[in-house]
């Protein structure tokens, strides 16, 4: 196996076993994360109970199919999973197969009937072999070996024990190795990891909106009536109704966990004397952001923690 891949496998396994830490890098949402699996897998009929549950978890994680993956979360974790950002949900599923891209899952059975899940992507292929389940009343623990599919010597095999709990008669994910899969307790850590990038993104967005407003003024000799006038036209060339100066999210006033507000200062939007103010507030205070930002009519930027309320020109300046 190439040394480059061995290093990647080792690094990704450390990410798996460090699941309780905030994700260092968030992955943009992919449309494939909620689609049905292409080329459905024929599953070994001998696999049942927690073994079948783990088999299906790995298959869903391989294809990054959220509606299948969520079936194997406890009720408590399912609620938290739904509240996570799209990127965080994808990142969580990727930890189970250690692959960045959605893959094609193929399931086979060894002579004892235990399944092996092969996850194939254009760049890499991993293979996950499931061992015999150890049952303890409503708990089950299953050893799993994960390796590069080209590793015939087993030199880089990673071993982890997956825990399941029976909830309402079905087996649900409980733990990865010694670490409990407790998404509610992780939400605040993940949120904190995203707050700073979201706030920096809000500041950059306010600057971009201000530049778009001035570009609109220069072209049409007036200020736009709303952010929607700065969006891209659905058909035809740009116009005063849709000038094509902002992406669709900003034109709708929401992006990266923040809501944006644009107000013309004064009774008229005509002429060089017309001015405007901009504001950005967290869509969900404490989760997508803490500070509210305000761009005054003179172009000064202010920011403060206002518990989700609009900021104003009395807030501290932001450089």
Protein backbone atom coordinates (compact mmCIF):
# COMPACT_ATOMS: atom_id res chain seq x y z
CA UNK A 1 0.00 0.00 0.00
CA UNK A 2 1.43 3.47 -0.87
CA UNK A 3 2.92 5.28 2.08
CA UNK A 4 0.82 8.34 1.28
CA UNK A 5 -2.36 6.36 1.74
CA UNK A 6 -1.12 4.67 4.91
CA UNK A 7 -0.56 8.09 6.45
CA UNK A 8 -4.02 9.25 5.40
CA UNK A 9 -5.63 6.14 6.86
CA UNK A 10 -3.82 6.62 10.16
CA UNK A 11 -4.79 10.28 10.35
CA UNK A 12 -8.40 9.57 9.55
CA UNK A 13 -8.58 6.82 12.14
CA UNK A 14 -7.38 9.25 14.77
CA UNK A 15 -10.27 11.48 13.76
CA UNK A 16 -12.65 8.58 14.25
CA UNK A 17 -11.38 7.79 17.74
CA UNK A 18 -11.46 11.51 18.61
CA UNK A 19 -15.12 11.79 17.75
CA UNK A 20 -15.90 13.63 20.98
CA UNK A 21 -13.74 16.59 19.92
CA UNK A 22 -15.11 19.38 17.72
CA UNK A 23 -14.56 18.77 14.03
CA UNK A 24 -11.55 20.79 12.96
CA UNK A 25 -12.76 21.27 9.40
CA UNK A 26 -16.36 21.44 8.23
CA UNK A 27 -17.29 19.97 4.92
CA UNK A 28 -19.70 21.78 2.59
CA UNK A 29 -23.04 20.06 2.19
CA UNK A 30 -23.34 17.75 -0.77
CA UNK A 31 -26.52 16.99 -2.63
CA UNK A 32 -25.66 13.31 -2.55
CA UNK A 33 -25.90 13.23 1.25
CA UNK A 34 -29.67 12.80 1.21
CA UNK A 35 -30.17 10.79 -1.94
CA UNK A 36 -31.07 7.13 -2.09
CA UNK A 37 -28.22 4.67 -2.60
CA UNK A 38 -27.51 3.95 -6.24
CA UNK A 39 -27.19 0.30 -7.24
CA UNK A 40 -28.80 -1.16 -4.09
CA UNK A 41 -26.76 -3.80 -2.27
CA UNK A 42 -27.93 -7.37 -1.87
CA UNK A 43 -27.44 -8.01 1.84
CA UNK A 44 -26.49 -11.40 3.29
CA UNK A 45 -29.60 -12.96 4.76
CA UNK A 46 -27.60 -14.55 7.60
CA UNK A 47 -26.81 -11.16 9.14
CA UNK A 48 -29.38 -10.03 11.68
CA UNK A 49 -29.79 -8.02 14.88
CA UNK A 50 -26.92 -5.67 15.80
CA UNK A 51 -24.72 -7.19 13.08
CA UNK A 52 -27.23 -6.16 10.41
CA UNK A 53 -27.57 -2.75 12.04
CA UNK A 54 -23.81 -2.14 11.87
CA UNK A 55 -23.72 -3.41 8.29
CA UNK A 56 -26.43 -0.94 7.30
CA UNK A 57 -24.86 1.94 9.25
CA UNK A 58 -21.60 1.47 7.37
CA UNK A 59 -23.39 1.21 4.02
CA UNK A 60 -25.31 4.43 4.69
CA UNK A 61 -22.16 6.22 5.88
CA UNK A 62 -20.34 5.06 2.76
CA UNK A 63 -22.92 6.58 0.42
CA UNK A 64 -23.48 9.53 2.80
CA UNK A 65 -27.21 8.80 2.77
CA UNK A 66 -28.56 10.75 5.71
CA UNK A 67 -32.10 9.35 5.74
CA UNK A 68 -30.69 5.83 6.10
CA UNK A 69 -27.94 6.71 8.57
CA UNK A 70 -30.32 8.50 10.93
CA UNK A 71 -32.42 5.32 11.32
CA UNK A 72 -29.68 3.88 13.53
CA UNK A 73 -29.38 6.82 15.92
CA UNK A 74 -31.08 6.82 19.30
CA UNK A 75 -34.03 9.17 19.66
CA UNK A 76 -31.86 11.63 21.61
CA UNK A 77 -29.08 11.58 19.02
CA UNK A 78 -31.54 11.72 16.12
CA UNK A 79 -32.90 15.06 17.37
CA UNK A 80 -29.39 16.48 17.65
CA UNK A 81 -28.38 15.13 14.25
CA UNK A 82 -31.30 17.02 12.67
CA UNK A 83 -30.09 20.25 14.27
CA UNK A 84 -26.51 19.91 13.03
CA UNK A 85 -25.43 21.84 9.96
CA UNK A 86 -25.44 19.88 6.70
CA UNK A 87 -21.64 19.89 6.67
CA UNK A 88 -21.42 18.50 10.20
CA UNK A 89 -23.86 15.69 9.38
CA UNK A 90 -21.74 14.67 6.38
CA UNK A 91 -18.55 14.96 8.44
CA UNK A 92 -19.99 12.62 11.08
CA UNK A 93 -20.85 9.94 8.52
CA UNK A 94 -17.40 10.21 6.95
CA UNK A 95 -15.80 9.27 10.27
CA UNK A 96 -17.29 5.79 9.99
CA UNK A 97 -15.63 4.90 6.66
CA UNK A 98 -12.66 7.31 6.64
CA UNK A 99 -13.36 8.49 3.10
CA UNK A 100 -14.02 12.02 1.93
CA UNK A 101 -16.29 11.33 -1.03
CA UNK A 102 -19.58 9.46 -1.19
CA UNK A 103 -18.89 5.88 -2.24
CA UNK A 104 -20.62 2.78 -3.49
CA UNK A 105 -21.25 0.17 -0.80
CA UNK A 106 -20.93 -3.52 -1.58
CA UNK A 107 -21.71 -6.13 1.08
CA UNK A 108 -20.43 -9.70 1.04
CA UNK A 109 -20.47 -12.48 3.64
CA UNK A 110 -17.61 -14.65 4.84
CA UNK A 111 -18.12 -18.43 5.33
CA UNK A 112 -19.49 -17.83 8.85
CA UNK A 113 -22.09 -15.43 7.47
CA UNK A 114 -20.56 -12.29 8.97
CA UNK A 115 -20.72 -9.32 6.60
CA UNK A 116 -17.93 -7.26 5.13
CA UNK A 117 -18.73 -3.81 3.78
CA UNK A 118 -16.61 -2.48 0.93
CA UNK A 119 -16.81 1.27 0.29
CA UNK A 120 -15.48 2.27 -3.10
CA UNK A 121 -14.77 5.84 -4.24
CA UNK A 122 -12.86 7.04 -7.32
CA UNK A 123 -9.76 7.68 -5.21
CA UNK A 124 -9.74 5.05 -2.47
CA UNK A 125 -11.58 1.93 -1.34
CA UNK A 126 -11.90 0.77 2.24
CA UNK A 127 -13.12 -2.56 3.58
CA UNK A 128 -14.80 -3.04 6.95
CA UNK A 129 -15.05 -6.57 8.33
CA UNK A 130 -17.57 -7.10 11.13
CA UNK A 131 -16.82 -9.64 13.84
CA UNK A 132 -19.10 -11.62 16.13
CA UNK A 133 -21.43 -9.69 18.41
CA UNK A 134 -21.11 -9.85 22.21
CA UNK A 135 -24.59 -9.47 23.69
CA UNK A 136 -25.30 -8.13 27.19
CA UNK A 137 -29.05 -7.84 27.74
CA UNK A 138 -30.00 -4.75 25.72
CA UNK A 139 -26.41 -3.95 24.74
CA UNK A 140 -24.28 -5.37 21.93
CA UNK A 141 -20.61 -4.87 21.11
CA UNK A 142 -19.18 -5.75 17.71
CA UNK A 143 -15.49 -5.73 16.77
CA UNK A 144 -14.73 -4.23 13.38
CA UNK A 145 -11.57 -4.18 11.28
CA UNK A 146 -11.10 -1.36 8.78
CA UNK A 147 -8.42 -1.50 6.12
CA UNK A 148 -7.44 -0.25 2.71
CA UNK A 149 -8.89 -2.77 0.24
CA UNK A 150 -5.48 -3.20 -1.40
CA UNK A 151 -3.79 -4.08 1.90
CA UNK A 152 -3.43 -7.87 1.66
CA UNK A 153 -0.96 -8.18 4.55
CA UNK A 154 -3.06 -6.47 7.19
CA UNK A 155 -0.18 -4.14 8.07
CA UNK A 156 -2.47 -1.14 8.40
CA UNK A 157 -5.62 -2.69 9.82
CA UNK A 158 -7.50 -0.48 12.27
CA UNK A 159 -9.62 -2.17 14.93
CA UNK A 160 -12.50 -0.60 16.80
CA UNK A 161 -15.43 -1.95 18.80
CA UNK A 162 -18.85 -0.57 17.94
CA UNK A 163 -21.53 -0.45 20.61
CA UNK A 164 -25.30 -0.73 20.05
CA UNK A 165 -28.26 -0.42 22.38
CA UNK A 166 -31.75 -1.85 21.87
CA UNK A 167 -34.28 0.98 21.77
CA UNK A 168 -37.96 0.31 21.02
CA UNK A 169 -37.02 -3.13 19.75
CA UNK A 170 -34.37 -1.87 17.29
CA UNK A 171 -30.59 -1.68 17.55
CA UNK A 172 -29.18 1.86 17.67
CA UNK A 173 -25.63 3.21 17.72
CA UNK A 174 -24.27 3.66 21.22
CA UNK A 175 -20.49 4.02 21.04
CA UNK A 176 -17.36 3.96 18.91
CA UNK A 177 -14.66 2.20 20.84
CA UNK A 178 -14.74 3.58 24.40
CA UNK A 179 -16.45 6.79 23.32
CA UNK A 180 -20.19 7.21 23.67
CA UNK A 181 -21.96 8.57 20.62
CA UNK A 182 -23.67 11.38 22.52
CA UNK A 183 -24.51 14.06 19.96
CA UNK A 184 -26.41 16.40 22.32
CA UNK A 185 -23.34 16.81 24.50
CA UNK A 186 -21.27 17.62 21.42
CA UNK A 187 -23.59 20.17 19.87
CA UNK A 188 -22.30 23.10 21.92
CA UNK A 189 -18.69 22.20 21.12
CA UNK A 190 -19.45 21.91 17.42
CA UNK A 191 -21.41 25.16 17.52
CA UNK A 192 -18.53 26.97 19.20
CA UNK A 193 -16.21 25.65 16.50
CA UNK A 194 -18.45 27.26 13.86
CA UNK A 195 -19.28 30.54 15.59
CA UNK A 196 -16.01 32.32 14.82
CA UNK A 197 -15.98 31.35 11.10
CA UNK A 198 -19.65 32.36 10.86
CA UNK A 199 -18.98 35.75 12.45
CA UNK A 200 -16.03 36.39 10.15
CA UNK A 201 -18.22 35.33 7.24
CA UNK A 202 -20.92 37.79 8.33
CA UNK A 203 -18.40 40.64 8.38
CA UNK A 204 -17.18 39.69 4.90
CA UNK A 205 -20.78 39.42 3.68
CA UNK A 206 -21.62 42.91 4.95
CA UNK A 207 -18.66 44.26 3.02
CA UNK A 208 -19.75 42.40 -0.09
CA UNK A 209 -23.33 43.68 0.21
CA UNK A 210 -22.10 47.27 0.67
CA UNK A 211 -19.93 46.97 -2.46
CA UNK A 212 -22.87 45.54 -4.39
CA UNK A 213 -25.13 48.40 -3.28
CA UNK A 214 -22.58 50.97 -4.43
CA UNK A 215 -22.12 49.15 -7.74
CA UNK A 216 -25.88 49.21 -8.20
CA UNK A 217 -25.98 52.96 -7.42
CA UNK A 218 -23.25 53.61 -9.98
CA UNK A 219 -25.10 51.67 -12.69
CA UNK A 220 -28.68 52.75 -12.02
CA UNK A 221 -28.10 56.14 -10.29
CA UNK A 222 -30.18 55.10 -7.31
CA UNK A 223 -30.09 52.67 -4.42
CA UNK A 224 -31.76 49.26 -4.71
CA UNK A 225 -35.09 48.94 -2.94
CA UNK A 226 -34.08 45.62 -1.37
CA UNK A 227 -31.37 42.99 -1.35
CA UNK A 228 -33.45 41.03 -3.86
CA UNK A 229 -32.63 43.69 -6.48
CA UNK A 230 -28.99 42.67 -6.18
CA UNK A 231 -29.59 39.00 -6.96
CA UNK A 232 -29.04 37.18 -10.24
CA UNK A 233 -31.77 37.31 -12.89
CA UNK A 234 -33.65 34.08 -13.51
CA UNK A 235 -33.77 34.81 -17.24
CA UNK A 236 -32.17 37.32 -19.53
CA UNK A 237 -29.76 40.13 -18.80
CA UNK A 238 -29.18 41.98 -15.55
CA UNK A 239 -31.53 44.86 -14.80
CA UNK A 240 -32.60 47.17 -12.01
CA UNK A 241 -34.86 44.43 -10.70
CA UNK A 242 -32.16 41.76 -10.58
CA UNK A 243 -28.72 43.25 -11.08
CA UNK A 244 -26.66 40.05 -10.65
CA UNK A 245 -24.39 41.55 -8.00
CA UNK A 246 -24.95 39.05 -5.15
CA UNK A 247 -25.34 35.30 -4.88
CA UNK A 248 -28.80 33.91 -4.26
CA UNK A 249 -28.30 33.39 -0.50
CA UNK A 250 -27.24 36.96 0.21
CA UNK A 251 -29.97 38.29 -2.07
CA UNK A 252 -32.45 36.42 0.13
CA UNK A 253 -30.81 37.86 3.24
CA UNK A 254 -29.51 34.66 4.85
CA UNK A 255 -26.13 32.97 4.64
CA UNK A 256 -23.79 30.92 6.85
CA UNK A 257 -25.95 31.18 9.97
CA UNK A 258 -26.67 34.91 9.73
CA UNK A 259 -29.63 37.03 8.61
CA UNK A 260 -28.92 40.31 6.79
CA UNK A 261 -31.01 43.49 6.83
CA UNK A 262 -30.72 46.44 4.43
CA UNK A 263 -32.36 49.81 5.10
CA UNK A 264 -32.28 53.03 3.06
CA UNK A 265 -31.66 56.05 5.28
CA UNK A 266 -33.89 58.98 4.33
CA UNK A 267 -37.18 59.44 2.51
CA UNK A 268 -35.77 59.07 -0.99
CA UNK A 269 -33.48 56.50 -2.62
CA UNK A 270 -32.50 58.88 -5.44
CA UNK A 271 -29.29 60.83 -5.79
CA UNK A 272 -25.82 60.73 -4.34
CA UNK A 273 -27.06 61.87 -0.93
CA UNK A 274 -29.05 58.68 -0.31
CA UNK A 275 -27.39 56.43 2.27
CA UNK A 276 -28.03 52.99 3.68
CA UNK A 277 -27.46 50.85 6.75
CA UNK A 278 -26.81 47.12 6.98
CA UNK A 279 -27.21 44.70 9.85
CA UNK A 280 -26.34 41.04 10.41
CA UNK A 281 -27.80 38.96 13.25
CA UNK A 282 -27.33 35.27 14.12
CA UNK A 283 -30.10 33.08 12.77
CA UNK A 284 -29.89 31.07 15.98
CA UNK A 285 -28.21 32.98 18.76
CA UNK A 286 -25.59 30.92 20.57
CA UNK A 287 -25.47 28.29 17.85
CA UNK A 288 -24.71 30.07 14.57
CA UNK A 289 -23.24 33.20 16.10
CA UNK A 290 -22.97 35.41 19.18
CA UNK A 291 -22.29 38.91 17.91
CA UNK A 292 -24.66 41.13 15.95
CA UNK A 293 -23.05 43.43 13.38
CA UNK A 294 -24.13 46.85 12.14
CA UNK A 295 -22.79 48.95 9.26
CA UNK A 296 -23.75 52.57 9.80
CA UNK A 297 -24.61 55.10 7.09
CA UNK A 298 -21.04 56.36 7.07
CA UNK A 299 -19.58 52.94 6.42
CA UNK A 300 -18.42 52.21 9.96
CA UNK A 301 -18.76 48.62 11.17
CA UNK A 302 -19.89 47.83 14.71
CA UNK A 303 -20.29 44.53 16.56
CA UNK A 304 -21.47 43.32 19.95
CA UNK A 305 -23.14 40.39 21.68
CA UNK A 306 -26.74 41.57 21.78
CA UNK A 307 -28.26 38.13 22.43
CA UNK A 308 -29.56 37.97 18.87
CA UNK A 309 -31.03 41.49 18.69
CA UNK A 310 -30.10 44.07 16.05
CA UNK A 311 -26.92 46.03 16.59
CA UNK A 312 -26.54 49.77 16.23
CA UNK A 313 -23.96 52.55 15.81
CA UNK A 314 -23.34 52.69 19.58
CA UNK A 315 -21.79 49.21 19.59
CA UNK A 316 -17.98 48.93 19.58
CA UNK A 317 -16.25 49.41 16.27
CA UNK A 318 -15.01 46.32 14.46
CA UNK A 319 -11.77 46.70 12.57
